[in-house]
Amino acid sequence: PYSLELSWPLVNTVVIAPFVEEFVFRGAVLGSLLKRYRFGVANTISSLLFVGAHLPGWYFTGSLIENLTKPIGGALSIFILGLVFGFVTLKCRSVAGGMIAHGINNLFSVI
């Protein structure tokens, strides 16, 4: 939906949102949960919270029910991506890995 020429929506989608979301969900949330739970449980919880963070946007754009019920591209896809970004963060031993994976995913979603 975006032009690939440099624009605020493109920078927000490919750089800012992945940076902020990964810092919060894989850095702060997953990092804190790993102090108490094994990786699978911690990653599942942080991924569910990641889905939850998308709910207000869906609500205010009138697409909440659609995103909660469609099998591909909605909440299930966001949950699975959250699991993948958590796994990448674990394997890279750095939230930067999750940020890069998230940014690449978002780039491919706009081209």
PDB file of N, CA and C in Angstrom:
ATOM      1  N   PRO A   1       0.789  -1.205   0.000  1.00  0.00           N
ATOM      2  CA  PRO A   1       0.000   0.000   0.000  1.00  0.00           C
ATOM      3  C   PRO A   1       0.837   1.278   0.000  1.00  0.00           C
ATOM      4  N   TYR A   2       2.119   1.206   0.340  1.00  0.00           N
ATOM      5  CA  TYR A   2       2.968   2.389   0.362  1.00  0.00           C
ATOM      6  C   TYR A   2       3.832   2.438  -0.882  1.00  0.00           C
ATOM      7  N   SER A   3       4.188   3.641  -1.272  1.00  0.00           N
ATOM      8  CA  SER A   3       5.187   3.812  -2.318  1.00  0.00           C
ATOM      9  C   SER A   3       6.538   3.498  -1.698  1.00  0.00           C
ATOM     10  N   LEU A   4       7.449   2.947  -2.473  1.00  0.00           N
ATOM     11  CA  LEU A   4       8.757   2.634  -1.917  1.00  0.00           C
ATOM     12  C   LEU A   4       9.688   3.838  -1.896  1.00  0.00           C
ATOM     13  N   GLU A   5       9.206   4.993  -2.346  1.00  0.00           N
ATOM     14  CA  GLU A   5      10.037   6.173  -2.175  1.00  0.00           C
ATOM     15  C   GLU A   5       9.998   6.547  -0.701  1.00  0.00           C
ATOM     16  N   LEU A   6      11.087   7.110  -0.230  1.00  0.00           N
ATOM     17  CA  LEU A   6      11.219   7.416   1.189  1.00  0.00           C
ATOM     18  C   LEU A   6      10.083   8.316   1.657  1.00  0.00           C
ATOM     19  N   SER A   7       9.337   7.843   2.652  1.00  0.00           N
ATOM     20  CA  SER A   7       8.200   8.588   3.187  1.00  0.00           C
ATOM     21  C   SER A   7       8.055   8.242   4.664  1.00  0.00           C
ATOM     22  N   TRP A   8       7.325   9.076   5.385  1.00  0.00           N
ATOM     23  CA  TRP A   8       7.097   8.813   6.805  1.00  0.00           C
ATOM     24  C   TRP A   8       6.388   7.470   7.021  1.00  0.00           C
ATOM     25  N   PRO A   9       5.313   7.153   6.286  1.00  0.00           N
ATOM     26  CA  PRO A   9       4.671   5.850   6.511  1.00  0.00           C
ATOM     27  C   PRO A   9       5.627   4.670   6.276  1.00  0.00           C
ATOM     28  N   LEU A  10       6.485   4.763   5.269  1.00  0.00           N
ATOM     29  CA  LEU A  10       7.427   3.679   5.001  1.00  0.00           C
ATOM     30  C   LEU A  10       8.454   3.562   6.129  1.00  0.00           C
ATOM     31  N   VAL A  11       9.019   4.683   6.559  1.00  0.00           N
ATOM     32  CA  VAL A  11      10.005   4.671   7.653  1.00  0.00           C
ATOM     33  C   VAL A  11       9.359   4.156   8.936  1.00  0.00           C
ATOM     34  N   ASN A  12       8.140   4.573   9.205  1.00  0.00           N
ATOM     35  CA  ASN A  12       7.438   4.111  10.394  1.00  0.00           C
ATOM     36  C   ASN A  12       7.215   2.606  10.357  1.00  0.00           C
ATOM     37  N   THR A  13       6.792   2.097   9.206  1.00  0.00           N
ATOM     38  CA  THR A  13       6.475   0.677   9.062  1.00  0.00           C
ATOM     39  C   THR A  13       7.707  -0.215   9.106  1.00  0.00           C
ATOM     40  N   VAL A  14       8.791   0.228   8.474  1.00  0.00           N
ATOM     41  CA  VAL A  14       9.959  -0.633   8.293  1.00  0.00           C
ATOM     42  C   VAL A  14      11.042  -0.412   9.345  1.00  0.00           C
ATOM     43  N   VAL A  15      11.076   0.766   9.969  1.00  0.00           N
ATOM     44  CA  VAL A  15      12.144   1.066  10.927  1.00  0.00           C
ATOM     45  C   VAL A  15      11.601   1.320  12.335  1.00  0.00           C
ATOM     46  N   ILE A  16      10.742   2.313  12.473  1.00  0.00           N
ATOM     47  CA  ILE A  16      10.334   2.753  13.806  1.00  0.00           C
ATOM     48  C   ILE A  16       9.481   1.714  14.523  1.00  0.00           C
ATOM     49  N   ALA A  17       8.426   1.218  13.878  1.00  0.00           N
ATOM     50  CA  ALA A  17       7.565   0.222  14.531  1.00  0.00           C
ATOM     51  C   ALA A  17       8.342  -1.041  14.923  1.00  0.00           C
ATOM     52  N   PRO A  18       9.172  -1.620  14.021  1.00  0.00           N
ATOM     53  CA  PRO A  18       9.945  -2.789  14.447  1.00  0.00           C
ATOM     54  C   PRO A  18      10.892  -2.491  15.606  1.00  0.00           C
ATOM     55  N   PHE A  19      11.529  -1.324  15.589  1.00  0.00           N
ATOM     56  CA  PHE A  19      12.448  -0.962  16.675  1.00  0.00           C
ATOM     57  C   PHE A  19      11.705  -0.888  18.004  1.00  0.00           C
ATOM     58  N   VAL A  20      10.612  -0.142  18.032  1.00  0.00           N
ATOM     59  CA  VAL A  20       9.863   0.050  19.278  1.00  0.00           C
ATOM     60  C   VAL A  20       9.217  -1.258  19.736  1.00  0.00           C
ATOM     61  N   GLU A  21       8.537  -1.944  18.825  1.00  0.00           N
ATOM     62  CA  GLU A  21       7.834  -3.170  19.211  1.00  0.00           C
ATOM     63  C   GLU A  21       8.797  -4.260  19.678  1.00  0.00           C
ATOM     64  N   GLU A  22       9.922  -4.412  19.009  1.00  0.00           N
ATOM     65  CA  GLU A  22      10.880  -5.442  19.435  1.00  0.00           C
ATOM     66  C   GLU A  22      11.563  -5.060  20.741  1.00  0.00           C
ATOM     67  N   PHE A  23      11.866  -3.781  20.910  1.00  0.00           N
ATOM     68  CA  PHE A  23      12.446  -3.329  22.173  1.00  0.00           C
ATOM     69  C   PHE A  23      11.502  -3.659  23.331  1.00  0.00           C
ATOM     70  N   VAL A  24      10.210  -3.407  23.120  1.00  0.00           N
ATOM     71  CA  VAL A  24       9.226  -3.662  24.174  1.00  0.00           C
ATOM     72  C   VAL A  24       8.965  -5.154  24.351  1.00  0.00           C
ATOM     73  N   PHE A  25       8.544  -5.834  23.268  1.00  0.00           N
ATOM     74  CA  PHE A  25       8.049  -7.204  23.420  1.00  0.00           C
ATOM     75  C   PHE A  25       9.139  -8.254  23.516  1.00  0.00           C
ATOM     76  N   ARG A  26      10.233  -8.119  22.789  1.00  0.00           N
ATOM     77  CA  ARG A  26      11.304  -9.103  22.895  1.00  0.00           C
ATOM     78  C   ARG A  26      12.368  -8.646  23.888  1.00  0.00           C
ATOM     79  N   GLY A  27      12.609  -7.365  23.982  1.00  0.00           N
ATOM     80  CA  GLY A  27      13.602  -6.868  24.930  1.00  0.00           C
ATOM     81  C   GLY A  27      13.072  -6.872  26.357  1.00  0.00           C
ATOM     82  N   ALA A  28      12.112  -6.007  26.639  1.00  0.00           N
ATOM     83  CA  ALA A  28      11.611  -5.854  28.005  1.00  0.00           C
ATOM     84  C   ALA A  28      10.729  -7.018  28.454  1.00  0.00           C
ATOM     85  N   VAL A  29       9.693  -7.331  27.673  1.00  0.00           N
ATOM     86  CA  VAL A  29       8.724  -8.345  28.113  1.00  0.00           C
ATOM     87  C   VAL A  29       9.341  -9.747  28.101  1.00  0.00           C
ATOM     88  N   LEU A  30       9.853 -10.175  26.947  1.00  0.00           N
ATOM     89  CA  LEU A  30      10.437 -11.521  26.870  1.00  0.00           C
ATOM     90  C   LEU A  30      11.626 -11.643  27.823  1.00  0.00           C
ATOM     91  N   GLY A  31      12.455 -10.609  27.855  1.00  0.00           N
ATOM     92  CA  GLY A  31      13.611 -10.638  28.758  1.00  0.00           C
ATOM     93  C   GLY A  31      13.205 -10.829  30.207  1.00  0.00           C
ATOM     94  N   SER A  32      12.161 -10.128  30.633  1.00  0.00           N
ATOM     95  CA  SER A  32      11.683 -10.266  32.013  1.00  0.00           C
ATOM     96  C   SER A  32      11.054 -11.635  32.259  1.00  0.00           C
ATOM     97  N   LEU A  33      10.264 -12.095  31.299  1.00  0.00           N
ATOM     98  CA  LEU A  33       9.609 -13.402  31.459  1.00  0.00           C
ATOM     99  C   LEU A  33      10.626 -14.542  31.523  1.00  0.00           C
ATOM    100  N   LEU A  34      11.747 -14.394  30.813  1.00  0.00           N
ATOM    101  CA  LEU A  34      12.763 -15.450  30.813  1.00  0.00           C
ATOM    102  C   LEU A  34      13.424 -15.623  32.177  1.00  0.00           C
ATOM    103  N   LYS A  35      13.286 -14.653  33.044  1.00  0.00           N
ATOM    104  CA  LYS A  35      13.832 -14.777  34.400  1.00  0.00           C
ATOM    105  C   LYS A  35      12.994 -15.725  35.242  1.00  0.00           C
ATOM    106  N   ARG A  36      11.752 -15.952  34.789  1.00  0.00           N
ATOM    107  CA  ARG A  36      10.841 -16.785  35.573  1.00  0.00           C
ATOM    108  C   ARG A  36      10.398 -18.053  34.849  1.00  0.00           C
ATOM    109  N   TYR A  37      10.298 -17.997  33.520  1.00  0.00           N
ATOM    110  CA  TYR A  37       9.760 -19.114  32.745  1.00  0.00           C
ATOM    111  C   TYR A  37      10.766 -19.590  31.712  1.00  0.00           C
ATOM    112  N   ARG A  38      10.582 -20.827  31.275  1.00  0.00           N
ATOM    113  CA  ARG A  38      11.416 -21.320  30.186  1.00  0.00           C
ATOM    114  C   ARG A  38      11.036 -20.601  28.902  1.00  0.00           C
ATOM    115  N   PHE A  39      11.888 -20.690  27.887  1.00  0.00           N
ATOM    116  CA  PHE A  39      11.718 -19.895  26.676  1.00  0.00           C
ATOM    117  C   PHE A  39      10.358 -20.091  26.006  1.00  0.00           C
ATOM    118  N   GLY A  40       9.895 -21.332  25.849  1.00  0.00           N
ATOM    119  CA  GLY A  40       8.631 -21.583  25.148  1.00  0.00           C
ATOM    120  C   GLY A  40       7.455 -20.864  25.779  1.00  0.00           C
ATOM    121  N   VAL A  41       7.373 -20.916  27.095  1.00  0.00           N
ATOM    122  CA  VAL A  41       6.280 -20.252  27.812  1.00  0.00           C
ATOM    123  C   VAL A  41       6.438 -18.738  27.707  1.00  0.00           C
ATOM    124  N   ALA A  42       7.645 -18.244  27.954  1.00  0.00           N
ATOM    125  CA  ALA A  42       7.898 -16.803  27.899  1.00  0.00           C
ATOM    126  C   ALA A  42       7.624 -16.249  26.501  1.00  0.00           C
ATOM    127  N   ASN A  43       8.046 -16.963  25.472  1.00  0.00           N
ATOM    128  CA  ASN A  43       7.843 -16.502  24.103  1.00  0.00           C
ATOM    129  C   ASN A  43       6.353 -16.507  23.741  1.00  0.00           C
ATOM    130  N   THR A  44       5.624 -17.504  24.203  1.00  0.00           N
ATOM    131  CA  THR A  44       4.188 -17.569  23.946  1.00  0.00           C
ATOM    132  C   THR A  44       3.469 -16.394  24.595  1.00  0.00           C
ATOM    133  N   ILE A  45       3.798 -16.105  25.843  1.00  0.00           N
ATOM    134  CA  ILE A  45       3.158 -14.986  26.543  1.00  0.00           C
ATOM    135  C   ILE A  45       3.486 -13.663  25.857  1.00  0.00           C
ATOM    136  N   SER A  46       4.756 -13.451  25.522  1.00  0.00           N
ATOM    137  CA  SER A  46       5.124 -12.181  24.879  1.00  0.00           C
ATOM    138  C   SER A  46       4.472 -12.057  23.501  1.00  0.00           C
ATOM    139  N   SER A  47       4.294 -13.166  22.799  1.00  0.00           N
ATOM    140  CA  SER A  47       3.643 -13.140  21.487  1.00  0.00           C
ATOM    141  C   SER A  47       2.152 -12.845  21.606  1.00  0.00           C
ATOM    142  N   LEU A  48       1.514 -13.367  22.634  1.00  0.00           N
ATOM    143  CA  LEU A  48       0.101 -13.042  22.884  1.00  0.00           C
ATOM    144  C   LEU A  48      -0.063 -11.560  23.213  1.00  0.00           C
ATOM    145  N   LEU A  49       0.867 -11.024  24.006  1.00  0.00           N
ATOM    146  CA  LEU A  49       0.826  -9.592  24.315  1.00  0.00           C
ATOM    147  C   LEU A  49       1.082  -8.754  23.065  1.00  0.00           C
ATOM    148  N   PHE A  50       1.933  -9.257  22.172  1.00  0.00           N
ATOM    149  CA  PHE A  50       2.212  -8.591  20.898  1.00  0.00           C
ATOM    150  C   PHE A  50       0.924  -8.499  20.068  1.00  0.00           C
ATOM    151  N   VAL A  51       0.158  -9.573  20.034  1.00  0.00           N
ATOM    152  CA  VAL A  51      -1.143  -9.541  19.354  1.00  0.00           C
ATOM    153  C   VAL A  51      -2.046  -8.507  20.031  1.00  0.00           C
ATOM    154  N   GLY A  52      -2.063  -8.532  21.348  1.00  0.00           N
ATOM    155  CA  GLY A  52      -2.895  -7.585  22.091  1.00  0.00           C
ATOM    156  C   GLY A  52      -2.574  -6.135  21.777  1.00  0.00           C
ATOM    157  N   ALA A  53      -1.327  -5.842  21.518  1.00  0.00           N
ATOM    158  CA  ALA A  53      -0.933  -4.472  21.197  1.00  0.00           C
ATOM    159  C   ALA A  53      -1.491  -4.019  19.856  1.00  0.00           C
ATOM    160  N   HIS A  54      -1.829  -4.959  18.985  1.00  0.00           N
ATOM    161  CA  HIS A  54      -2.386  -4.617  17.680  1.00  0.00           C
ATOM    162  C   HIS A  54      -3.906  -4.410  17.718  1.00  0.00           C
ATOM    163  N   LEU A  55      -4.558  -4.862  18.782  1.00  0.00           N
ATOM    164  CA  LEU A  55      -6.020  -4.788  18.868  1.00  0.00           C
ATOM    165  C   LEU A  55      -6.569  -3.363  18.789  1.00  0.00           C
ATOM    166  N   PRO A  56      -6.012  -2.395  19.516  1.00  0.00           N
ATOM    167  CA  PRO A  56      -6.586  -1.041  19.420  1.00  0.00           C
ATOM    168  C   PRO A  56      -6.552  -0.475  18.000  1.00  0.00           C
ATOM    169  N   GLY A  57      -5.468  -0.686  17.289  1.00  0.00           N
ATOM    170  CA  GLY A  57      -5.381  -0.211  15.907  1.00  0.00           C
ATOM    171  C   GLY A  57      -6.443  -0.843  15.030  1.00  0.00           C
ATOM    172  N   TRP A  58      -6.642  -2.143  15.195  1.00  0.00           N
ATOM    173  CA  TRP A  58      -7.672  -2.832  14.423  1.00  0.00           C
ATOM    174  C   TRP A  58      -9.051  -2.318  14.789  1.00  0.00           C
ATOM    175  N   TYR A  59      -9.270  -2.088  16.079  1.00  0.00           N
ATOM    176  CA  TYR A  59     -10.566  -1.582  16.531  1.00  0.00           C
ATOM    177  C   TYR A  59     -10.869  -0.227  15.899  1.00  0.00           C
ATOM    178  N   PHE A  60      -9.897   0.681  15.975  1.00  0.00           N
ATOM    179  CA  PHE A  60     -10.132   2.040  15.496  1.00  0.00           C
ATOM    180  C   PHE A  60     -10.168   2.150  13.980  1.00  0.00           C
ATOM    181  N   THR A  61      -9.668   1.145  13.282  1.00  0.00           N
ATOM    182  CA  THR A  61      -9.787   1.154  11.815  1.00  0.00           C
ATOM    183  C   THR A  61     -10.992   0.336  11.351  1.00  0.00           C
ATOM    184  N   GLY A  62     -11.750  -0.213  12.302  1.00  0.00           N
ATOM    185  CA  GLY A  62     -12.945  -0.976  11.960  1.00  0.00           C
ATOM    186  C   GLY A  62     -12.659  -2.378  11.448  1.00  0.00           C
ATOM    187  N   SER A  63     -11.460  -2.897  11.716  1.00  0.00           N
ATOM    188  CA  SER A  63     -11.106  -4.222  11.196  1.00  0.00           C
ATOM    189  C   SER A  63     -10.844  -5.248  12.303  1.00  0.00           C
ATOM    190  N   LEU A  64     -11.300  -4.974  13.513  1.00  0.00           N
ATOM    191  CA  LEU A  64     -11.027  -5.869  14.640  1.00  0.00           C
ATOM    192  C   LEU A  64     -11.569  -7.275  14.402  1.00  0.00           C
ATOM    193  N   ILE A  65     -12.846  -7.395  14.102  1.00  0.00           N
ATOM    194  CA  ILE A  65     -13.458  -8.725  13.920  1.00  0.00           C
ATOM    195  C   ILE A  65     -12.794  -9.448  12.760  1.00  0.00           C
ATOM    196  N   GLU A  66     -12.559  -8.741  11.672  1.00  0.00           N
ATOM    197  CA  GLU A  66     -11.903  -9.361  10.514  1.00  0.00           C
ATOM    198  C   GLU A  66     -10.520  -9.905  10.898  1.00  0.00           C
ATOM    199  N   ASN A  67      -9.732  -9.112  11.622  1.00  0.00           N
ATOM    200  CA  ASN A  67      -8.391  -9.556  11.997  1.00  0.00           C
ATOM    201  C   ASN A  67      -8.392 -10.666  13.032  1.00  0.00           C
ATOM    202  N   LEU A  68      -9.441 -10.747  13.831  1.00  0.00           N
ATOM    203  CA  LEU A  68      -9.525 -11.831  14.814  1.00  0.00           C
ATOM    204  C   LEU A  68     -10.026 -13.130  14.211  1.00  0.00           C
ATOM    205  N   THR A  69     -10.710 -13.052  13.070  1.00  0.00           N
ATOM    206  CA  THR A  69     -11.318 -14.260  12.510  1.00  0.00           C
ATOM    207  C   THR A  69     -10.653 -14.779  11.245  1.00  0.00           C
ATOM    208  N   LYS A  70      -9.911 -13.954  10.522  1.00  0.00           N
ATOM    209  CA  LYS A  70      -9.307 -14.482   9.296  1.00  0.00           C
ATOM    210  C   LYS A  70      -8.046 -15.268   9.639  1.00  0.00           C
ATOM    211  N   PRO A  71      -7.869 -16.412   9.005  1.00  0.00           N
ATOM    212  CA  PRO A  71      -6.756 -17.291   9.371  1.00  0.00           C
ATOM    213  C   PRO A  71      -5.383 -16.759   8.948  1.00  0.00           C
ATOM    214  N   ILE A  72      -5.307 -16.022   7.851  1.00  0.00           N
ATOM    215  CA  ILE A  72      -4.008 -15.538   7.380  1.00  0.00           C
ATOM    216  C   ILE A  72      -4.047 -14.024   7.318  1.00  0.00           C
ATOM    217  N   GLY A  73      -3.032 -13.397   7.890  1.00  0.00           N
ATOM    218  CA  GLY A  73      -2.934 -11.951   7.847  1.00  0.00           C
ATOM    219  C   GLY A  73      -3.504 -11.250   9.058  1.00  0.00           C
ATOM    220  N   GLY A  74      -4.147 -11.975   9.943  1.00  0.00           N
ATOM    221  CA  GLY A  74      -4.749 -11.373  11.123  1.00  0.00           C
ATOM    222  C   GLY A  74      -3.997 -11.748  12.392  1.00  0.00           C
ATOM    223  N   ALA A  75      -4.757 -11.931  13.455  1.00  0.00           N
ATOM    224  CA  ALA A  75      -4.183 -12.188  14.773  1.00  0.00           C
ATOM    225  C   ALA A  75      -3.307 -13.441  14.796  1.00  0.00           C
ATOM    226  N   LEU A  76      -3.729 -14.496  14.119  1.00  0.00           N
ATOM    227  CA  LEU A  76      -2.921 -15.719  14.108  1.00  0.00           C
ATOM    228  C   LEU A  76      -1.561 -15.470  13.463  1.00  0.00           C
ATOM    229  N   SER A  77      -1.544 -14.736  12.376  1.00  0.00           N
ATOM    230  CA  SER A  77      -0.277 -14.422  11.711  1.00  0.00           C
ATOM    231  C   SER A  77       0.611 -13.559  12.602  1.00  0.00           C
ATOM    232  N   ILE A  78       0.012 -12.587  13.283  1.00  0.00           N
ATOM    233  CA  ILE A  78       0.781 -11.721  14.185  1.00  0.00           C
ATOM    234  C   ILE A  78       1.355 -12.553  15.332  1.00  0.00           C
ATOM    235  N   PHE A  79       0.569 -13.482  15.855  1.00  0.00           N
ATOM    236  CA  PHE A  79       1.048 -14.360  16.935  1.00  0.00           C
ATOM    237  C   PHE A  79       2.234 -15.208  16.456  1.00  0.00           C
ATOM    238  N   ILE A  80       2.105 -15.815  15.298  1.00  0.00           N
ATOM    239  CA  ILE A  80       3.194 -16.648  14.765  1.00  0.00           C
ATOM    240  C   ILE A  80       4.443 -15.806  14.506  1.00  0.00           C
ATOM    241  N   LEU A  81       4.255 -14.624  13.946  1.00  0.00           N
ATOM    242  CA  LEU A  81       5.406 -13.732  13.737  1.00  0.00           C
ATOM    243  C   LEU A  81       6.054 -13.362  15.065  1.00  0.00           C
ATOM    244  N   GLY A  82       5.250 -13.132  16.091  1.00  0.00           N
ATOM    245  CA  GLY A  82       5.800 -12.855  17.416  1.00  0.00           C
ATOM    246  C   GLY A  82       6.673 -14.000  17.908  1.00  0.00           C
ATOM    247  N   LEU A  83       6.207 -15.239  17.693  1.00  0.00           N
ATOM    248  CA  LEU A  83       7.007 -16.405  18.073  1.00  0.00           C
ATOM    249  C   LEU A  83       8.322 -16.446  17.297  1.00  0.00           C
ATOM    250  N   VAL A  84       8.241 -16.163  16.000  1.00  0.00           N
ATOM    251  CA  VAL A  84       9.444 -16.172  15.150  1.00  0.00           C
ATOM    252  C   VAL A  84      10.421 -15.081  15.593  1.00  0.00           C
ATOM    253  N   PHE A  85       9.924 -13.865  15.828  1.00  0.00           N
ATOM    254  CA  PHE A  85      10.811 -12.778  16.251  1.00  0.00           C
ATOM    255  C   PHE A  85      11.455 -13.101  17.599  1.00  0.00           C
ATOM    256  N   GLY A  86      10.718 -13.752  18.479  1.00  0.00           N
ATOM    257  CA  GLY A  86      11.285 -14.175  19.761  1.00  0.00           C
ATOM    258  C   GLY A  86      12.386 -15.206  19.569  1.00  0.00           C
ATOM    259  N   PHE A  87      12.156 -16.160  18.674  1.00  0.00           N
ATOM    260  CA  PHE A  87      13.159 -17.189  18.387  1.00  0.00           C
ATOM    261  C   PHE A  87      14.414 -16.566  17.777  1.00  0.00           C
ATOM    262  N   VAL A  88      14.225 -15.622  16.852  1.00  0.00           N
ATOM    263  CA  VAL A  88      15.371 -14.938  16.237  1.00  0.00           C
ATOM    264  C   VAL A  88      16.147 -14.178  17.301  1.00  0.00           C
ATOM    265  N   THR A  89      15.441 -13.498  18.193  1.00  0.00           N
ATOM    266  CA  THR A  89      16.091 -12.766  19.278  1.00  0.00           C
ATOM    267  C   THR A  89      16.902 -13.718  20.152  1.00  0.00           C
ATOM    268  N   LEU A  90      16.340 -14.871  20.463  1.00  0.00           N
ATOM    269  CA  LEU A  90      17.046 -15.866  21.276  1.00  0.00           C
ATOM    270  C   LEU A  90      18.299 -16.350  20.567  1.00  0.00           C
ATOM    271  N   LYS A  91      18.175 -16.723  19.298  1.00  0.00           N
ATOM    272  CA  LYS A  91      19.311 -17.279  18.555  1.00  0.00           C
ATOM    273  C   LYS A  91      20.406 -16.241  18.326  1.00  0.00           C
ATOM    274  N   CYS A  92      20.011 -14.986  18.129  1.00  0.00           N
ATOM    275  CA  CYS A  92      21.000 -13.917  17.919  1.00  0.00           C
ATOM    276  C   CYS A  92      21.564 -13.402  19.235  1.00  0.00           C
ATOM    277  N   ARG A  93      20.920 -13.780  20.336  1.00  0.00           N
ATOM    278  CA  ARG A  93      21.291 -13.273  21.654  1.00  0.00           C
ATOM    279  C   ARG A  93      21.244 -11.754  21.714  1.00  0.00           C
ATOM    280  N   SER A  94      20.337 -11.192  20.916  1.00  0.00           N
ATOM    281  CA  SER A  94      20.206  -9.739  20.860  1.00  0.00           C
ATOM    282  C   SER A  94      18.839  -9.383  20.289  1.00  0.00           C
ATOM    283  N   VAL A  95      18.239  -8.354  20.864  1.00  0.00           N
ATOM    284  CA  VAL A  95      16.966  -7.873  20.350  1.00  0.00           C
ATOM    285  C   VAL A  95      17.137  -7.282  18.947  1.00  0.00           C
ATOM    286  N   ALA A  96      18.366  -6.932  18.587  1.00  0.00           N
ATOM    287  CA  ALA A  96      18.618  -6.396  17.240  1.00  0.00           C
ATOM    288  C   ALA A  96      18.230  -7.409  16.162  1.00  0.00           C
ATOM    289  N   GLY A  97      18.436  -8.685  16.418  1.00  0.00           N
ATOM    290  CA  GLY A  97      18.039  -9.716  15.456  1.00  0.00           C
ATOM    291  C   GLY A  97      16.542  -9.700  15.212  1.00  0.00           C
ATOM    292  N   GLY A  98      15.760  -9.579  16.293  1.00  0.00           N
ATOM    293  CA  GLY A  98      14.313  -9.485  16.166  1.00  0.00           C
ATOM    294  C   GLY A  98      13.898  -8.220  15.431  1.00  0.00           C
ATOM    295  N   MET A  99      14.589  -7.126  15.702  1.00  0.00           N
ATOM    296  CA  MET A  99      14.278  -5.861  15.026  1.00  0.00           C
ATOM    297  C   MET A  99      14.509  -5.972  13.518  1.00  0.00           C
ATOM    298  N   ILE A 100      15.613  -6.590  13.145  1.00  0.00           N
ATOM    299  CA  ILE A 100      15.928  -6.741  11.719  1.00  0.00           C
ATOM    300  C   ILE A 100      14.908  -7.667  11.049  1.00  0.00           C
ATOM    301  N   ALA A 101      14.591  -8.795  11.691  1.00  0.00           N
ATOM    302  CA  ALA A 101      13.601  -9.721  11.126  1.00  0.00           C
ATOM    303  C   ALA A 101      12.243  -9.036  10.990  1.00  0.00           C
ATOM    304  N   HIS A 102      11.848  -8.280  11.987  1.00  0.00           N
ATOM    305  CA  HIS A 102      10.568  -7.572  11.975  1.00  0.00           C
ATOM    306  C   HIS A 102      10.561  -6.525  10.864  1.00  0.00           C
ATOM    307  N   GLY A 103      11.653  -5.784  10.732  1.00  0.00           N
ATOM    308  CA  GLY A 103      11.741  -4.777   9.676  1.00  0.00           C
ATOM    309  C   GLY A 103      11.664  -5.386   8.287  1.00  0.00           C
ATOM    310  N   ILE A 104      12.357  -6.505   8.091  1.00  0.00           N
ATOM    311  CA  ILE A 104      12.310  -7.191   6.793  1.00  0.00           C
ATOM    312  C   ILE A 104      10.900  -7.693   6.511  1.00  0.00           C
ATOM    313  N   ASN A 105      10.250  -8.277   7.523  1.00  0.00           N
ATOM    314  CA  ASN A 105       8.866  -8.728   7.350  1.00  0.00           C
ATOM    315  C   ASN A 105       7.968  -7.569   6.935  1.00  0.00           C
ATOM    316  N   ASN A 106       8.087  -6.457   7.629  1.00  0.00           N
ATOM    317  CA  ASN A 106       7.233  -5.305   7.323  1.00  0.00           C
ATOM    318  C   ASN A 106       7.547  -4.734   5.936  1.00  0.00           C
ATOM    319  N   LEU A 107       8.821  -4.744   5.546  1.00  0.00           N
ATOM    320  CA  LEU A 107       9.184  -4.269   4.209  1.00  0.00           C
ATOM    321  C   LEU A 107       8.486  -5.103   3.143  1.00  0.00           C
ATOM    322  N   PHE A 108       8.521  -6.430   3.316  1.00  0.00           N
ATOM    323  CA  PHE A 108       7.881  -7.299   2.330  1.00  0.00           C
ATOM    324  C   PHE A 108       6.356  -7.172   2.361  1.00  0.00           C
ATOM    325  N   SER A 109       5.805  -6.697   3.459  1.00  0.00           N
ATOM    326  CA  SER A 109       4.349  -6.510   3.518  1.00  0.00           C
ATOM    327  C   SER A 109       3.892  -5.267   2.772  1.00  0.00           C
ATOM    328  N   VAL A 110       4.823  -4.351   2.473  1.00  0.00           N
ATOM    329  CA  VAL A 110       4.439  -3.106   1.793  1.00  0.00           C
ATOM    330  C   VAL A 110       4.866  -3.053   0.338  1.00  0.00           C
ATOM    331  N   ILE A 111       5.667  -4.042  -0.107  1.00  0.00           N
ATOM    332  CA  ILE A 111       6.081  -4.012  -1.527  1.00  0.00           C
ATOM    333  C   ILE A 111       5.199  -4.926  -2.363  1.00  0.00           C
TER     334      ILE A 111
END
